[in-house]
Amino acid sequence: MEEIEYHHRLPIQLRFTDADQFGHINNTAYFQYYDTAKIDYVRTVCNIPNGNYAIFAVHVEADFLSQVHNTDRVEVQTSISEIGTKSFTLHQRLVDSDTNEVKCIGKTIMVAFDLARNISIPMLPEWVDAICKYEGRDVRRKEKADLACHS
């Protein structure tokens, strides 16, 4: 597997309610941090949603590598590694901003969705182009490799 480059970074403010009585951040809070960064990535890069379309998570996984404490400074780093016809694979990691220690890694499969028709749809070409440009490479699935990103 090739090394993932993370171009999108979002500092996260840890909340008092995210921690247990020992000052450890609860693992369920990590998914909220990832969601916040996903929304920022999509709005920044693709200008989604615009009212007609949205993206939804259909699969989420995470590996918790090290504890996060309520006194830590952290950021979520996000990258899209692969775009399919109707979906894309998003990788994220929660990183200590002071030490660069990776605390958690996650992977989410997101699906493009038409809100009016209530169905999944193919990724819009302008989204694909914007993601490829932002990631600095063609991230379409290998079977689509013969199609170049529109620049």
Protein backbone atom coordinates (compact mmCIF):
# COMPACT_ATOMS: atom_id res chain seq x y z
CA MET A 1 0.00 0.00 0.00
CA GLU A 2 1.35 3.38 -0.95
CA GLU A 3 1.96 6.06 1.64
CA ILE A 4 -1.05 8.36 2.05
CA GLU A 5 -0.40 12.08 1.73
CA TYR A 6 -2.66 14.22 3.90
CA HIS A 7 -3.17 17.67 2.42
CA HIS A 8 -6.19 18.63 4.51
CA ARG A 9 -5.60 19.42 8.18
CA LEU A 10 -8.14 20.65 10.70
CA PRO A 11 -7.27 21.54 14.31
CA ILE A 12 -9.81 20.11 16.76
CA GLN A 13 -10.87 21.76 19.98
CA LEU A 14 -11.27 19.08 22.63
CA ARG A 15 -14.36 19.62 24.74
CA PHE A 16 -14.72 18.96 28.46
CA THR A 17 -17.60 16.58 27.72
CA ASP A 18 -15.41 14.48 25.38
CA ALA A 19 -13.37 13.19 28.32
CA ASP A 20 -14.03 10.64 31.04
CA GLN A 21 -13.27 11.18 34.75
CA PHE A 22 -9.60 10.35 34.11
CA GLY A 23 -9.15 12.97 31.37
CA HIS A 24 -9.10 10.44 28.50
CA ILE A 25 -11.02 11.34 25.37
CA ASN A 26 -13.79 8.80 24.76
CA ASN A 27 -13.34 6.83 21.53
CA THR A 28 -16.80 7.85 20.31
CA ALA A 29 -15.65 11.48 20.19
CA TYR A 30 -13.04 10.59 17.55
CA PHE A 31 -15.85 9.94 15.05
CA GLN A 32 -17.25 13.42 15.72
CA TYR A 33 -13.80 14.88 15.02
CA TYR A 34 -13.57 12.88 11.80
CA ASP A 35 -17.07 14.03 10.76
CA THR A 36 -16.14 17.67 11.37
CA ALA A 37 -13.04 17.30 9.19
CA LYS A 38 -14.99 15.42 6.45
CA ILE A 39 -17.50 18.24 6.23
CA ASP A 40 -14.71 20.82 6.05
CA TYR A 41 -12.88 18.85 3.33
CA VAL A 42 -15.98 18.42 1.18
CA ARG A 43 -17.08 22.05 1.54
CA THR A 44 -13.57 23.36 0.89
CA VAL A 45 -12.67 21.12 -2.02
CA CYS A 46 -15.93 20.14 -3.76
CA ASN A 47 -18.47 22.73 -2.65
CA ILE A 48 -20.81 19.91 -1.53
CA PRO A 49 -23.58 19.95 -0.53
CA ASN A 50 -25.31 22.60 -2.58
CA GLY A 51 -28.84 21.72 -1.54
CA ASN A 52 -29.49 19.13 -4.24
CA TYR A 53 -26.74 16.67 -3.44
CA ALA A 54 -25.03 15.23 -0.40
CA ILE A 55 -22.54 12.57 0.58
CA PHE A 56 -23.22 9.90 3.17
CA ALA A 57 -21.00 7.46 5.01
CA VAL A 58 -21.79 3.82 4.25
CA HIS A 59 -18.82 2.23 6.03
CA VAL A 60 -16.63 3.52 8.87
CA GLU A 61 -13.69 1.86 10.60
CA ALA A 62 -11.05 3.04 13.05
CA ASP A 63 -7.94 1.76 14.76
CA PHE A 64 -7.19 3.43 18.09
CA LEU A 65 -3.42 3.54 18.53
CA SER A 66 -2.83 5.73 21.57
CA GLN A 67 -4.82 7.60 24.18
CA VAL A 68 -5.77 11.24 23.77
CA HIS A 69 -6.03 13.34 26.92
CA ASN A 70 -8.15 16.43 27.41
CA THR A 71 -4.97 18.55 27.64
CA ASP A 72 -3.62 17.42 24.24
CA ARG A 73 -3.66 19.54 21.09
CA VAL A 74 -4.83 17.49 18.10
CA GLU A 75 -5.73 17.81 14.44
CA VAL A 76 -7.52 15.60 11.96
CA GLN A 77 -5.69 14.96 8.70
CA THR A 78 -7.81 13.87 5.74
CA SER A 79 -7.10 12.41 2.31
CA ILE A 80 -9.19 10.84 -0.43
CA SER A 81 -7.31 7.89 -1.85
CA GLU A 82 -9.75 6.45 -4.35
CA ILE A 83 -12.86 7.52 -6.24
CA GLY A 84 -15.24 4.98 -7.71
CA THR A 85 -18.35 5.53 -9.81
CA LYS A 86 -20.65 6.48 -6.92
CA SER A 87 -18.33 6.46 -3.93
CA PHE A 88 -14.93 7.44 -2.62
CA THR A 89 -12.55 6.22 0.06
CA LEU A 90 -11.57 8.75 2.67
CA HIS A 91 -8.64 8.21 5.05
CA GLN A 92 -8.26 10.18 8.24
CA ARG A 93 -5.98 10.23 11.22
CA LEU A 94 -6.02 12.04 14.53
CA VAL A 95 -2.57 13.44 15.25
CA ASP A 96 -1.04 15.12 18.29
CA SER A 97 -0.16 18.60 17.01
CA ASP A 98 2.85 18.94 19.33
CA THR A 99 4.49 15.53 18.88
CA ASN A 100 3.07 14.40 15.50
CA GLU A 101 2.14 11.10 17.13
CA VAL A 102 -0.71 9.39 15.28
CA LYS A 103 -3.40 8.60 17.85
CA CYS A 104 -6.03 7.00 15.62
CA ILE A 105 -6.44 6.09 11.96
CA GLY A 106 -9.76 5.79 10.20
CA LYS A 107 -11.24 4.90 6.85
CA THR A 108 -14.68 5.82 5.55
CA ILE A 109 -16.51 4.92 2.36
CA MET A 110 -18.70 7.82 1.26
CA VAL A 111 -21.49 7.69 -1.34
CA ALA A 112 -22.82 10.52 -3.51
CA PHE A 113 -26.55 11.05 -3.09
CA ASP A 114 -29.34 12.93 -4.86
CA LEU A 115 -31.56 14.37 -2.12
CA ALA A 116 -34.57 15.08 -4.35
CA ARG A 117 -34.70 11.59 -5.88
CA ASN A 118 -33.48 9.83 -2.71
CA ILE A 119 -30.97 7.66 -4.58
CA SER A 120 -27.21 7.25 -4.84
CA ILE A 121 -25.72 8.86 -7.93
CA PRO A 122 -22.45 8.81 -9.83
CA MET A 123 -19.85 11.23 -8.54
CA LEU A 124 -20.25 14.49 -10.43
CA PRO A 125 -17.32 15.22 -12.77
CA GLU A 126 -16.68 18.59 -11.11
CA TRP A 127 -16.30 16.84 -7.74
CA VAL A 128 -13.89 14.29 -9.18
CA ASP A 129 -11.86 17.02 -10.88
CA ALA A 130 -11.72 19.11 -7.70
CA ILE A 131 -10.61 16.13 -5.59
CA CYS A 132 -7.94 15.06 -8.10
CA LYS A 133 -6.62 18.62 -8.25
CA TYR A 134 -6.59 18.99 -4.46
CA GLU A 135 -4.93 15.60 -3.89
CA GLY A 136 -2.37 16.36 -6.61
CA ARG A 137 -2.97 13.14 -8.54
CA ASP A 138 -5.62 11.07 -10.28
CA VAL A 139 -7.35 9.17 -7.48
CA ARG A 140 -9.88 7.36 -9.62
CA ARG A 141 -10.10 3.60 -9.25
CA LYS A 142 -7.53 1.78 -11.32
CA GLU A 143 -10.09 0.53 -13.85
CA LYS A 144 -10.81 4.21 -14.55
CA ALA A 145 -7.10 5.08 -14.90
CA ASP A 146 -7.42 5.53 -18.65
CA LEU A 147 -9.54 8.62 -17.99
CA ALA A 148 -7.45 11.64 -17.07
CA CYS A 149 -8.63 14.28 -14.63
CA HIS A 150 -10.05 17.29 -16.42
CA SER A 151 -7.70 20.20 -15.76
